[in-house]
Structures are given as structure tokens and as C-alpha cells.
Amino acid sequence: MSTPPHGLPRYRVLTGPDDESFCRRVSEAIDLGYELHEGPAVTFNGERVIVAQAVVWPARP
């Protein structure tokens, strides 16, 4: 598939608390065919750890 499914963009940044739900969202993007772009960004908002992970749709010839 040369374009992401469901009309999704080629580049996405997933964000949220560092919990099971966030990990599942990243895993689902990988299962769709996205690839991780670099490592995650992590911060602490005073209450919990917040993570951002960019994913990209790979260029296919």
C-alpha cells in the first residue's frame, strides 16, 4: 500500500500519558504499517509522564 489506510496522514505525532493506552495506540500505528520516527519525547507535567512519538508512513517504490 503506497498511502496510509483510512485517509490517515503520512506523518503523525501521537501524544498522551505514558500508560497502556498510549502504548497500544503506538502499537496499532505500527501494525497498520507506520514506522517510528526517531525516539520518543518525554516530559513530566507535574502529575504524570507525558510521551510524544512521531510515526511516518514509509516511502514505497
PDB file of N, CA and C in Angstrom:
ATOM      1  N   MET A   1       0.850  -1.169   0.000  1.00  0.00           N
ATOM      2  CA  MET A   1       0.000   0.000   0.000  1.00  0.00           C
ATOM      3  C   MET A   1       0.896   1.233   0.000  1.00  0.00           C
ATOM      4  N   SER A   2       0.657   2.149  -0.921  1.00  0.00           N
ATOM      5  CA  SER A   2       1.527   3.313  -1.042  1.00  0.00           C
ATOM      6  C   SER A   2       1.062   4.501  -0.201  1.00  0.00           C
ATOM      7  N   THR A   3      -0.160   4.455   0.287  1.00  0.00           N
ATOM      8  CA  THR A   3      -0.664   5.530   1.149  1.00  0.00           C
ATOM      9  C   THR A   3      -1.250   4.910   2.409  1.00  0.00           C
ATOM     10  N   PRO A   4      -1.270   5.670   3.491  1.00  0.00           N
ATOM     11  CA  PRO A   4      -1.821   5.142   4.737  1.00  0.00           C
ATOM     12  C   PRO A   4      -3.313   4.816   4.589  1.00  0.00           C
ATOM     13  N   PRO A   5      -3.797   3.838   5.335  1.00  0.00           N
ATOM     14  CA  PRO A   5      -5.216   3.481   5.271  1.00  0.00           C
ATOM     15  C   PRO A   5      -6.098   4.518   5.957  1.00  0.00           C
ATOM     16  N   HIS A   6      -7.372   4.443   5.648  1.00  0.00           N
ATOM     17  CA  HIS A   6      -8.400   5.240   6.338  1.00  0.00           C
ATOM     18  C   HIS A   6      -8.200   6.748   6.178  1.00  0.00           C
ATOM     19  N   GLY A   7      -7.471   7.178   5.142  1.00  0.00           N
ATOM     20  CA  GLY A   7      -7.250   8.609   4.934  1.00  0.00           C
ATOM     21  C   GLY A   7      -6.322   9.249   5.951  1.00  0.00           C
ATOM     22  N   LEU A   8      -5.572   8.445   6.682  1.00  0.00           N
ATOM     23  CA  LEU A   8      -4.643   8.985   7.685  1.00  0.00           C
ATOM     24  C   LEU A   8      -3.480   9.683   6.993  1.00  0.00           C
ATOM     25  N   PRO A   9      -2.876  10.684   7.648  1.00  0.00           N
ATOM     26  CA  PRO A   9      -1.727  11.374   7.054  1.00  0.00           C
ATOM     27  C   PRO A   9      -0.473  10.500   7.100  1.00  0.00           C
ATOM     28  N   ARG A  10       0.500  10.852   6.255  1.00  0.00           N
ATOM     29  CA  ARG A  10       1.766  10.107   6.209  1.00  0.00           C
ATOM     30  C   ARG A  10       2.605  10.313   7.478  1.00  0.00           C
ATOM     31  N   TYR A  11       2.445  11.459   8.118  1.00  0.00           N
ATOM     32  CA  TYR A  11       3.211  11.790   9.329  1.00  0.00           C
ATOM     33  C   TYR A  11       2.221  12.047  10.451  1.00  0.00           C
ATOM     34  N   ARG A  12       2.469  11.417  11.584  1.00  0.00           N
ATOM     35  CA  ARG A  12       1.591  11.607  12.741  1.00  0.00           C
ATOM     36  C   ARG A  12       2.446  11.722  13.997  1.00  0.00           C
ATOM     37  N   VAL A  13       1.978  12.512  14.947  1.00  0.00           N
ATOM     38  CA  VAL A  13       2.597  12.569  16.270  1.00  0.00           C
ATOM     39  C   VAL A  13       1.537  12.129  17.265  1.00  0.00           C
ATOM     40  N   LEU A  14       1.822  11.039  17.920  1.00  0.00           N
ATOM     41  CA  LEU A  14       0.918  10.508  18.927  1.00  0.00           C
ATOM     42  C   LEU A  14       1.394  11.011  20.285  1.00  0.00           C
ATOM     43  N   THR A  15       0.477  11.507  21.093  1.00  0.00           N
ATOM     44  CA  THR A  15       0.838  12.033  22.409  1.00  0.00           C
ATOM     45  C   THR A  15      -0.116  11.511  23.462  1.00  0.00           C
ATOM     46  N   GLY A  16       0.348  11.511  24.692  1.00  0.00           N
ATOM     47  CA  GLY A  16      -0.517  11.128  25.795  1.00  0.00           C
ATOM     48  C   GLY A  16       0.279  10.697  27.000  1.00  0.00           C
ATOM     49  N   PRO A  17      -0.438  10.388  28.076  1.00  0.00           N
ATOM     50  CA  PRO A  17       0.231   9.880  29.275  1.00  0.00           C
ATOM     51  C   PRO A  17       0.949   8.575  28.957  1.00  0.00           C
ATOM     52  N   ASP A  18       2.055   8.340  29.624  1.00  0.00           N
ATOM     53  CA  ASP A  18       2.814   7.111  29.427  1.00  0.00           C
ATOM     54  C   ASP A  18       2.089   5.977  30.144  1.00  0.00           C
ATOM     55  N   ASP A  19       1.101   5.412  29.437  1.00  0.00           N
ATOM     56  CA  ASP A  19       0.319   4.336  30.019  1.00  0.00           C
ATOM     57  C   ASP A  19       0.019   3.272  28.959  1.00  0.00           C
ATOM     58  N   GLU A  20      -0.727   2.273  29.325  1.00  0.00           N
ATOM     59  CA  GLU A  20      -1.034   1.173  28.411  1.00  0.00           C
ATOM     60  C   GLU A  20      -1.785   1.663  27.177  1.00  0.00           C
ATOM     61  N   SER A  21      -2.678   2.614  27.348  1.00  0.00           N
ATOM     62  CA  SER A  21      -3.450   3.139  26.225  1.00  0.00           C
ATOM     63  C   SER A  21      -2.542   3.785  25.179  1.00  0.00           C
ATOM     64  N   PHE A  22      -1.587   4.573  25.637  1.00  0.00           N
ATOM     65  CA  PHE A  22      -0.653   5.205  24.699  1.00  0.00           C
ATOM     66  C   PHE A  22       0.163   4.137  23.966  1.00  0.00           C
ATOM     67  N   CYS A  23       0.670   3.163  24.701  1.00  0.00           N
ATOM     68  CA  CYS A  23       1.466   2.100  24.077  1.00  0.00           C
ATOM     69  C   CYS A  23       0.645   1.333  23.048  1.00  0.00           C
ATOM     70  N   ARG A  24      -0.623   1.117  23.327  1.00  0.00           N
ATOM     71  CA  ARG A  24      -1.489   0.430  22.365  1.00  0.00           C
ATOM     72  C   ARG A  24      -1.685   1.276  21.105  1.00  0.00           C
ATOM     73  N   ARG A  25      -1.841   2.588  21.248  1.00  0.00           N
ATOM     74  CA  ARG A  25      -2.012   3.462  20.080  1.00  0.00           C
ATOM     75  C   ARG A  25      -0.778   3.426  19.190  1.00  0.00           C
ATOM     76  N   VAL A  26       0.398   3.459  19.793  1.00  0.00           N
ATOM     77  CA  VAL A  26       1.633   3.371  19.004  1.00  0.00           C
ATOM     78  C   VAL A  26       1.727   1.998  18.349  1.00  0.00           C
ATOM     79  N   SER A  27       1.411   0.941  19.091  1.00  0.00           N
ATOM     80  CA  SER A  27       1.452  -0.415  18.539  1.00  0.00           C
ATOM     81  C   SER A  27       0.471  -0.567  17.378  1.00  0.00           C
ATOM     82  N   GLU A  28      -0.712   0.022  17.488  1.00  0.00           N
ATOM     83  CA  GLU A  28      -1.694  -0.044  16.403  1.00  0.00           C
ATOM     84  C   GLU A  28      -1.178   0.660  15.154  1.00  0.00           C
ATOM     85  N   ALA A  29      -0.504   1.803  15.332  1.00  0.00           N
ATOM     86  CA  ALA A  29       0.067   2.512  14.181  1.00  0.00           C
ATOM     87  C   ALA A  29       1.130   1.644  13.504  1.00  0.00           C
ATOM     88  N   ILE A  30       1.953   0.984  14.288  1.00  0.00           N
ATOM     89  CA  ILE A  30       2.978   0.087  13.728  1.00  0.00           C
ATOM     90  C   ILE A  30       2.305  -1.068  12.990  1.00  0.00           C
ATOM     91  N   ASP A  31       1.252  -1.628  13.578  1.00  0.00           N
ATOM     92  CA  ASP A  31       0.533  -2.731  12.930  1.00  0.00           C
ATOM     93  C   ASP A  31      -0.083  -2.297  11.600  1.00  0.00           C
ATOM     94  N   LEU A  32      -0.486  -1.025  11.478  1.00  0.00           N
ATOM     95  CA  LEU A  32      -1.035  -0.516  10.221  1.00  0.00           C
ATOM     96  C   LEU A  32       0.035  -0.372   9.143  1.00  0.00           C
ATOM     97  N   GLY A  33       1.307  -0.283   9.572  1.00  0.00           N
ATOM     98  CA  GLY A  33       2.396  -0.140   8.612  1.00  0.00           C
ATOM     99  C   GLY A  33       3.261   1.083   8.822  1.00  0.00           C
ATOM    100  N   TYR A  34       2.920   1.916   9.819  1.00  0.00           N
ATOM    101  CA  TYR A  34       3.751   3.078  10.136  1.00  0.00           C
ATOM    102  C   TYR A  34       5.069   2.617  10.744  1.00  0.00           C
ATOM    103  N   GLU A  35       6.078   3.460  10.638  1.00  0.00           N
ATOM    104  CA  GLU A  35       7.374   3.210  11.264  1.00  0.00           C
ATOM    105  C   GLU A  35       7.651   4.326  12.262  1.00  0.00           C
ATOM    106  N   LEU A  36       8.357   3.991  13.333  1.00  0.00           N
ATOM    107  CA  LEU A  36       8.739   5.004  14.317  1.00  0.00           C
ATOM    108  C   LEU A  36       9.708   5.981  13.674  1.00  0.00           C
ATOM    109  N   HIS A  37       9.554   7.257  13.984  1.00  0.00           N
ATOM    110  CA  HIS A  37      10.485   8.269  13.505  1.00  0.00           C
ATOM    111  C   HIS A  37      11.259   8.790  14.712  1.00  0.00           C
ATOM    112  N   GLU A  38      12.525   8.358  14.798  1.00  0.00           N
ATOM    113  CA  GLU A  38      13.369   8.723  15.949  1.00  0.00           C
ATOM    114  C   GLU A  38      12.780   8.136  17.226  1.00  0.00           C
ATOM    115  N   GLY A  39      13.308   8.583  18.345  1.00  0.00           N
ATOM    116  CA  GLY A  39      12.828   8.114  19.640  1.00  0.00           C
ATOM    117  C   GLY A  39      11.725   9.008  20.162  1.00  0.00           C
ATOM    118  N   PRO A  40      11.087   8.606  21.239  1.00  0.00           N
ATOM    119  CA  PRO A  40      10.015   9.415  21.804  1.00  0.00           C
ATOM    120  C   PRO A  40      10.556  10.632  22.550  1.00  0.00           C
ATOM    121  N   ALA A  41       9.693  11.607  22.705  1.00  0.00           N
ATOM    122  CA  ALA A  41       9.971  12.754  23.582  1.00  0.00           C
ATOM    123  C   ALA A  41       9.170  12.514  24.861  1.00  0.00           C
ATOM    124  N   VAL A  42       9.787  12.780  25.994  1.00  0.00           N
ATOM    125  CA  VAL A  42       9.148  12.506  27.274  1.00  0.00           C
ATOM    126  C   VAL A  42       9.278  13.738  28.156  1.00  0.00           C
ATOM    127  N   THR A  43       8.191  14.061  28.854  1.00  0.00           N
ATOM    128  CA  THR A  43       8.222  15.170  29.793  1.00  0.00           C
ATOM    129  C   THR A  43       7.357  14.811  30.998  1.00  0.00           C
ATOM    130  N   PHE A  44       7.460  15.610  32.038  1.00  0.00           N
ATOM    131  CA  PHE A  44       6.658  15.420  33.233  1.00  0.00           C
ATOM    132  C   PHE A  44       5.854  16.688  33.449  1.00  0.00           C
ATOM    133  N   ASN A  45       4.542  16.569  33.558  1.00  0.00           N
ATOM    134  CA  ASN A  45       3.685  17.750  33.682  1.00  0.00           C
ATOM    135  C   ASN A  45       3.358  18.118  35.123  1.00  0.00           C
ATOM    136  N   GLY A  46       4.084  17.567  36.063  1.00  0.00           N
ATOM    137  CA  GLY A  46       3.828  17.840  37.472  1.00  0.00           C
ATOM    138  C   GLY A  46       2.967  16.780  38.122  1.00  0.00           C
ATOM    139  N   GLU A  47       2.286  15.995  37.284  1.00  0.00           N
ATOM    140  CA  GLU A  47       1.440  14.932  37.798  1.00  0.00           C
ATOM    141  C   GLU A  47       1.808  13.567  37.221  1.00  0.00           C
ATOM    142  N   ARG A  48       2.145  13.550  35.926  1.00  0.00           N
ATOM    143  CA  ARG A  48       2.461  12.275  35.289  1.00  0.00           C
ATOM    144  C   ARG A  48       3.389  12.488  34.097  1.00  0.00           C
ATOM    145  N   VAL A  49       3.941  11.397  33.616  1.00  0.00           N
ATOM    146  CA  VAL A  49       4.834  11.427  32.464  1.00  0.00           C
ATOM    147  C   VAL A  49       3.981  11.486  31.192  1.00  0.00           C
ATOM    148  N   ILE A  50       4.322  12.416  30.296  1.00  0.00           N
ATOM    149  CA  ILE A  50       3.651  12.573  29.009  1.00  0.00           C
ATOM    150  C   ILE A  50       4.654  12.218  27.909  1.00  0.00           C
ATOM    151  N   VAL A  51       4.187  11.453  26.923  1.00  0.00           N
ATOM    152  CA  VAL A  51       5.056  10.973  25.857  1.00  0.00           C
ATOM    153  C   VAL A  51       4.533  11.451  24.513  1.00  0.00           C
ATOM    154  N   ALA A  52       5.459  11.734  23.598  1.00  0.00           N
ATOM    155  CA  ALA A  52       5.121  12.025  22.203  1.00  0.00           C
ATOM    156  C   ALA A  52       5.973  11.121  21.327  1.00  0.00           C
ATOM    157  N   GLN A  53       5.341  10.471  20.355  1.00  0.00           N
ATOM    158  CA  GLN A  53       6.058   9.600  19.433  1.00  0.00           C
ATOM    159  C   GLN A  53       5.600   9.901  18.016  1.00  0.00           C
ATOM    160  N   ALA A  54       6.545  10.290  17.165  1.00  0.00           N
ATOM    161  CA  ALA A  54       6.237  10.513  15.757  1.00  0.00           C
ATOM    162  C   ALA A  54       6.301   9.186  15.022  1.00  0.00           C
ATOM    163  N   VAL A  55       5.363   9.006  14.102  1.00  0.00           N
ATOM    164  CA  VAL A  55       5.361   7.840  13.219  1.00  0.00           C
ATOM    165  C   VAL A  55       5.204   8.326  11.794  1.00  0.00           C
ATOM    166  N   VAL A  56       5.839   7.636  10.861  1.00  0.00           N
ATOM    167  CA  VAL A  56       5.772   8.028   9.452  1.00  0.00           C
ATOM    168  C   VAL A  56       5.377   6.816   8.613  1.00  0.00           C
ATOM    169  N   TRP A  57       4.685   7.119   7.520  1.00  0.00           N
ATOM    170  CA  TRP A  57       4.359   6.080   6.560  1.00  0.00           C
ATOM    171  C   TRP A  57       5.565   5.912   5.648  1.00  0.00           C
ATOM    172  N   PRO A  58       6.082   4.702   5.510  1.00  0.00           N
ATOM    173  CA  PRO A  58       7.305   4.520   4.724  1.00  0.00           C
ATOM    174  C   PRO A  58       7.073   4.792   3.240  1.00  0.00           C
ATOM    175  N   ALA A  59       8.074   5.376   2.601  1.00  0.00           N
ATOM    176  CA  ALA A  59       8.027   5.595   1.148  1.00  0.00           C
ATOM    177  C   ALA A  59       8.257   4.256   0.467  1.00  0.00           C
ATOM    178  N   ARG A  60       7.370   3.892  -0.374  1.00  0.00           N
ATOM    179  CA  ARG A  60       7.472   2.613  -1.098  1.00  0.00           C
ATOM    180  C   ARG A  60       7.654   2.919  -2.595  1.00  0.00           C
ATOM    181  N   PRO A  61       8.584   2.209  -3.234  1.00  0.00           N
ATOM    182  CA  PRO A  61       8.778   2.437  -4.671  1.00  0.00           C
ATOM    183  C   PRO A  61       7.605   1.961  -5.500  1.00  0.00           C
TER     184      PRO A  61
END
